[in-house]
Amino acid sequence: MPATLEVKCTNEDCELDMFELHYTYDMPEETGVSDFQCPYCAQTDSLDEIEL
């Protein structure tokens, strides 16, 4: 099963609560939350992984 990454945006001005990233098998193993930006506010440093 491909990896799923749950992410939240901590930017106070952003309206996005959380989102999921669903990888394909072709994504490198070292891919993490720092490789993405918020789809709503476009910030990169305000994303945090949600640990379950």
PDB file of N, CA and C in Angstrom:
ATOM      1  N   MET A   1       0.843  -1.172   0.000  1.00  0.00           N
ATOM      2  CA  MET A   1       0.000   0.000   0.000  1.00  0.00           C
ATOM      3  C   MET A   1       0.892   1.242   0.000  1.00  0.00           C
ATOM      4  N   PRO A   2       0.653   2.201  -0.881  1.00  0.00           N
ATOM      5  CA  PRO A   2       1.452   3.434  -0.880  1.00  0.00           C
ATOM      6  C   PRO A   2       1.267   4.213   0.415  1.00  0.00           C
ATOM      7  N   ALA A   3       2.279   4.994   0.732  1.00  0.00           N
ATOM      8  CA  ALA A   3       2.246   5.776   1.974  1.00  0.00           C
ATOM      9  C   ALA A   3       1.200   6.879   1.903  1.00  0.00           C
ATOM     10  N   THR A   4       0.658   7.229   3.052  1.00  0.00           N
ATOM     11  CA  THR A   4      -0.250   8.364   3.205  1.00  0.00           C
ATOM     12  C   THR A   4       0.338   9.275   4.261  1.00  0.00           C
ATOM     13  N   LEU A   5       0.346  10.565   3.990  1.00  0.00           N
ATOM     14  CA  LEU A   5       0.883  11.537   4.922  1.00  0.00           C
ATOM     15  C   LEU A   5      -0.229  12.514   5.264  1.00  0.00           C
ATOM     16  N   GLU A   6      -0.569  12.627   6.562  1.00  0.00           N
ATOM     17  CA  GLU A   6      -1.575  13.589   7.000  1.00  0.00           C
ATOM     18  C   GLU A   6      -0.848  14.834   7.480  1.00  0.00           C
ATOM     19  N   VAL A   7      -1.286  15.991   6.986  1.00  0.00           N
ATOM     20  CA  VAL A   7      -0.573  17.246   7.214  1.00  0.00           C
ATOM     21  C   VAL A   7      -1.546  18.304   7.694  1.00  0.00           C
ATOM     22  N   LYS A   8      -1.077  19.166   8.592  1.00  0.00           N
ATOM     23  CA  LYS A   8      -1.870  20.314   9.018  1.00  0.00           C
ATOM     24  C   LYS A   8      -1.064  21.579   8.744  1.00  0.00           C
ATOM     25  N   CYS A   9      -1.778  22.658   8.468  1.00  0.00           N
ATOM     26  CA  CYS A   9      -1.138  23.953   8.252  1.00  0.00           C
ATOM     27  C   CYS A   9      -1.291  24.761   9.539  1.00  0.00           C
ATOM     28  N   THR A  10      -0.189  25.269  10.044  1.00  0.00           N
ATOM     29  CA  THR A  10      -0.201  26.015  11.308  1.00  0.00           C
ATOM     30  C   THR A  10      -0.176  27.525  11.102  1.00  0.00           C
ATOM     31  N   ASN A  11      -0.266  27.974   9.847  1.00  0.00           N
ATOM     32  CA  ASN A  11      -0.320  29.402   9.557  1.00  0.00           C
ATOM     33  C   ASN A  11      -1.632  29.961  10.106  1.00  0.00           C
ATOM     34  N   GLU A  12      -1.563  30.944  10.996  1.00  0.00           N
ATOM     35  CA  GLU A  12      -2.765  31.495  11.629  1.00  0.00           C
ATOM     36  C   GLU A  12      -3.728  32.128  10.635  1.00  0.00           C
ATOM     37  N   ASP A  13      -3.227  32.598   9.507  1.00  0.00           N
ATOM     38  CA  ASP A  13      -4.070  33.249   8.513  1.00  0.00           C
ATOM     39  C   ASP A  13      -4.643  32.270   7.490  1.00  0.00           C
ATOM     40  N   CYS A  14      -4.307  31.017   7.600  1.00  0.00           N
ATOM     41  CA  CYS A  14      -4.764  30.001   6.642  1.00  0.00           C
ATOM     42  C   CYS A  14      -6.058  29.359   7.128  1.00  0.00           C
ATOM     43  N   GLU A  15      -6.973  29.143   6.214  1.00  0.00           N
ATOM     44  CA  GLU A  15      -8.273  28.537   6.536  1.00  0.00           C
ATOM     45  C   GLU A  15      -8.260  27.012   6.446  1.00  0.00           C
ATOM     46  N   LEU A  16      -7.170  26.438   5.923  1.00  0.00           N
ATOM     47  CA  LEU A  16      -7.095  24.991   5.748  1.00  0.00           C
ATOM     48  C   LEU A  16      -6.739  24.315   7.069  1.00  0.00           C
ATOM     49  N   ASP A  17      -7.516  23.346   7.459  1.00  0.00           N
ATOM     50  CA  ASP A  17      -7.299  22.632   8.713  1.00  0.00           C
ATOM     51  C   ASP A  17      -6.269  21.524   8.530  1.00  0.00           C
ATOM     52  N   MET A  18      -6.563  20.577   7.665  1.00  0.00           N
ATOM     53  CA  MET A  18      -5.658  19.460   7.418  1.00  0.00           C
ATOM     54  C   MET A  18      -5.928  18.892   6.029  1.00  0.00           C
ATOM     55  N   PHE A  19      -4.966  18.121   5.529  1.00  0.00           N
ATOM     56  CA  PHE A  19      -5.147  17.429   4.258  1.00  0.00           C
ATOM     57  C   PHE A  19      -4.277  16.193   4.242  1.00  0.00           C
ATOM     58  N   GLU A  20      -4.575  15.277   3.324  1.00  0.00           N
ATOM     59  CA  GLU A  20      -3.821  14.033   3.190  1.00  0.00           C
ATOM     60  C   GLU A  20      -3.091  14.019   1.860  1.00  0.00           C
ATOM     61  N   LEU A  21      -1.893  13.493   1.883  1.00  0.00           N
ATOM     62  CA  LEU A  21      -1.118  13.272   0.668  1.00  0.00           C
ATOM     63  C   LEU A  21      -1.040  11.771   0.450  1.00  0.00           C
ATOM     64  N   HIS A  22      -1.466  11.321  -0.706  1.00  0.00           N
ATOM     65  CA  HIS A  22      -1.421   9.902  -1.040  1.00  0.00           C
ATOM     66  C   HIS A  22      -0.346   9.708  -2.101  1.00  0.00           C
ATOM     67  N   TYR A  23       0.695   9.028  -1.737  1.00  0.00           N
ATOM     68  CA  TYR A  23       1.832   8.815  -2.634  1.00  0.00           C
ATOM     69  C   TYR A  23       1.579   7.646  -3.560  1.00  0.00           C
ATOM     70  N   THR A  24       2.315   7.621  -4.665  1.00  0.00           N
ATOM     71  CA  THR A  24       2.383   6.420  -5.494  1.00  0.00           C
ATOM     72  C   THR A  24       3.627   5.642  -5.061  1.00  0.00           C
ATOM     73  N   TYR A  25       3.790   4.489  -5.589  1.00  0.00           N
ATOM     74  CA  TYR A  25       4.961   3.685  -5.241  1.00  0.00           C
ATOM     75  C   TYR A  25       6.250   4.300  -5.766  1.00  0.00           C
ATOM     76  N   ASP A  26       6.154   5.245  -6.706  1.00  0.00           N
ATOM     77  CA  ASP A  26       7.334   5.837  -7.321  1.00  0.00           C
ATOM     78  C   ASP A  26       7.953   6.973  -6.508  1.00  0.00           C
ATOM     79  N   MET A  27       7.307   7.415  -5.438  1.00  0.00           N
ATOM     80  CA  MET A  27       7.852   8.507  -4.620  1.00  0.00           C
ATOM     81  C   MET A  27       9.067   7.996  -3.847  1.00  0.00           C
ATOM     82  N   PRO A  28      10.127   8.780  -3.768  1.00  0.00           N
ATOM     83  CA  PRO A  28      11.300   8.372  -2.984  1.00  0.00           C
ATOM     84  C   PRO A  28      10.941   8.207  -1.502  1.00  0.00           C
ATOM     85  N   GLU A  29      11.573   7.268  -0.845  1.00  0.00           N
ATOM     86  CA  GLU A  29      11.280   6.992   0.566  1.00  0.00           C
ATOM     87  C   GLU A  29      11.530   8.187   1.468  1.00  0.00           C
ATOM     88  N   GLU A  30      12.491   9.033   1.113  1.00  0.00           N
ATOM     89  CA  GLU A  30      12.839  10.176   1.959  1.00  0.00           C
ATOM     90  C   GLU A  30      11.889  11.356   1.784  1.00  0.00           C
ATOM     91  N   THR A  31      10.853  11.228   0.957  1.00  0.00           N
ATOM     92  CA  THR A  31       9.881  12.304   0.769  1.00  0.00           C
ATOM     93  C   THR A  31       9.140  12.543   2.069  1.00  0.00           C
ATOM     94  N   GLY A  32       9.052  13.808   2.465  1.00  0.00           N
ATOM     95  CA  GLY A  32       8.376  14.157   3.711  1.00  0.00           C
ATOM     96  C   GLY A  32       7.621  15.464   3.597  1.00  0.00           C
ATOM     97  N   VAL A  33       7.096  15.915   4.700  1.00  0.00           N
ATOM     98  CA  VAL A  33       6.258  17.107   4.732  1.00  0.00           C
ATOM     99  C   VAL A  33       7.013  18.350   4.258  1.00  0.00           C
ATOM    100  N   SER A  34       8.303  18.402   4.433  1.00  0.00           N
ATOM    101  CA  SER A  34       9.086  19.573   4.017  1.00  0.00           C
ATOM    102  C   SER A  34       9.197  19.697   2.496  1.00  0.00           C
ATOM    103  N   ASP A  35       8.790  18.678   1.767  1.00  0.00           N
ATOM    104  CA  ASP A  35       8.847  18.709   0.307  1.00  0.00           C
ATOM    105  C   ASP A  35       7.586  19.306  -0.320  1.00  0.00           C
ATOM    106  N   PHE A  36       6.627  19.723   0.487  1.00  0.00           N
ATOM    107  CA  PHE A  36       5.346  20.201  -0.021  1.00  0.00           C
ATOM    108  C   PHE A  36       5.028  21.599   0.494  1.00  0.00           C
ATOM    109  N   GLN A  37       4.024  22.216  -0.121  1.00  0.00           N
ATOM    110  CA  GLN A  37       3.519  23.499   0.358  1.00  0.00           C
ATOM    111  C   GLN A  37       2.021  23.384   0.564  1.00  0.00           C
ATOM    112  N   CYS A  38       1.475  24.250   1.384  1.00  0.00           N
ATOM    113  CA  CYS A  38       0.043  24.247   1.653  1.00  0.00           C
ATOM    114  C   CYS A  38      -0.708  24.601   0.369  1.00  0.00           C
ATOM    115  N   PRO A  39      -1.705  23.809  -0.008  1.00  0.00           N
ATOM    116  CA  PRO A  39      -2.449  24.097  -1.238  1.00  0.00           C
ATOM    117  C   PRO A  39      -3.351  25.327  -1.115  1.00  0.00           C
ATOM    118  N   TYR A  40      -3.554  25.821   0.085  1.00  0.00           N
ATOM    119  CA  TYR A  40      -4.427  26.975   0.291  1.00  0.00           C
ATOM    120  C   TYR A  40      -3.636  28.281   0.384  1.00  0.00           C
ATOM    121  N   CYS A  41      -2.646  28.326   1.277  1.00  0.00           N
ATOM    122  CA  CYS A  41      -1.903  29.569   1.500  1.00  0.00           C
ATOM    123  C   CYS A  41      -0.520  29.568   0.857  1.00  0.00           C
ATOM    124  N   ALA A  42      -0.096  28.447   0.323  1.00  0.00           N
ATOM    125  CA  ALA A  42       1.180  28.281  -0.386  1.00  0.00           C
ATOM    126  C   ALA A  42       2.409  28.421   0.508  1.00  0.00           C
ATOM    127  N   GLN A  43       2.241  28.370   1.820  1.00  0.00           N
ATOM    128  CA  GLN A  43       3.378  28.411   2.737  1.00  0.00           C
ATOM    129  C   GLN A  43       4.031  27.037   2.797  1.00  0.00           C
ATOM    130  N   THR A  44       5.333  26.993   2.978  1.00  0.00           N
ATOM    131  CA  THR A  44       6.039  25.718   3.109  1.00  0.00           C
ATOM    132  C   THR A  44       6.510  25.471   4.531  1.00  0.00           C
ATOM    133  N   ASP A  45       6.799  26.532   5.264  1.00  0.00           N
ATOM    134  CA  ASP A  45       7.332  26.361   6.623  1.00  0.00           C
ATOM    135  C   ASP A  45       6.254  26.202   7.678  1.00  0.00           C
ATOM    136  N   SER A  46       4.982  26.268   7.303  1.00  0.00           N
ATOM    137  CA  SER A  46       3.900  26.157   8.289  1.00  0.00           C
ATOM    138  C   SER A  46       3.260  24.780   8.295  1.00  0.00           C
ATOM    139  N   LEU A  47       3.793  23.833   7.554  1.00  0.00           N
ATOM    140  CA  LEU A  47       3.210  22.498   7.509  1.00  0.00           C
ATOM    141  C   LEU A  47       3.840  21.587   8.555  1.00  0.00           C
ATOM    142  N   ASP A  48       2.982  20.844   9.239  1.00  0.00           N
ATOM    143  CA  ASP A  48       3.423  19.861  10.227  1.00  0.00           C
ATOM    144  C   ASP A  48       2.732  18.532   9.943  1.00  0.00           C
ATOM    145  N   GLU A  49       3.481  17.458  10.094  1.00  0.00           N
ATOM    146  CA  GLU A  49       2.898  16.124   9.938  1.00  0.00           C
ATOM    147  C   GLU A  49       2.044  15.802  11.156  1.00  0.00           C
ATOM    148  N   ILE A  50       0.903  15.195  10.924  1.00  0.00           N
ATOM    149  CA  ILE A  50       0.020  14.745  12.005  1.00  0.00           C
ATOM    150  C   ILE A  50       0.424  13.317  12.345  1.00  0.00           C
ATOM    151  N   GLU A  51       0.885  13.108  13.547  1.00  0.00           N
ATOM    152  CA  GLU A  51       1.282  11.780  14.011  1.00  0.00           C
ATOM    153  C   GLU A  51       0.092  11.104  14.667  1.00  0.00           C
ATOM    154  N   LEU A  52      -0.253   9.928  14.206  1.00  0.00           N
ATOM    155  CA  LEU A  52      -1.378   9.194  14.790  1.00  0.00           C
ATOM    156  C   LEU A  52      -0.902   8.197  15.805  1.00  0.00           C
TER     157      LEU A  52
END
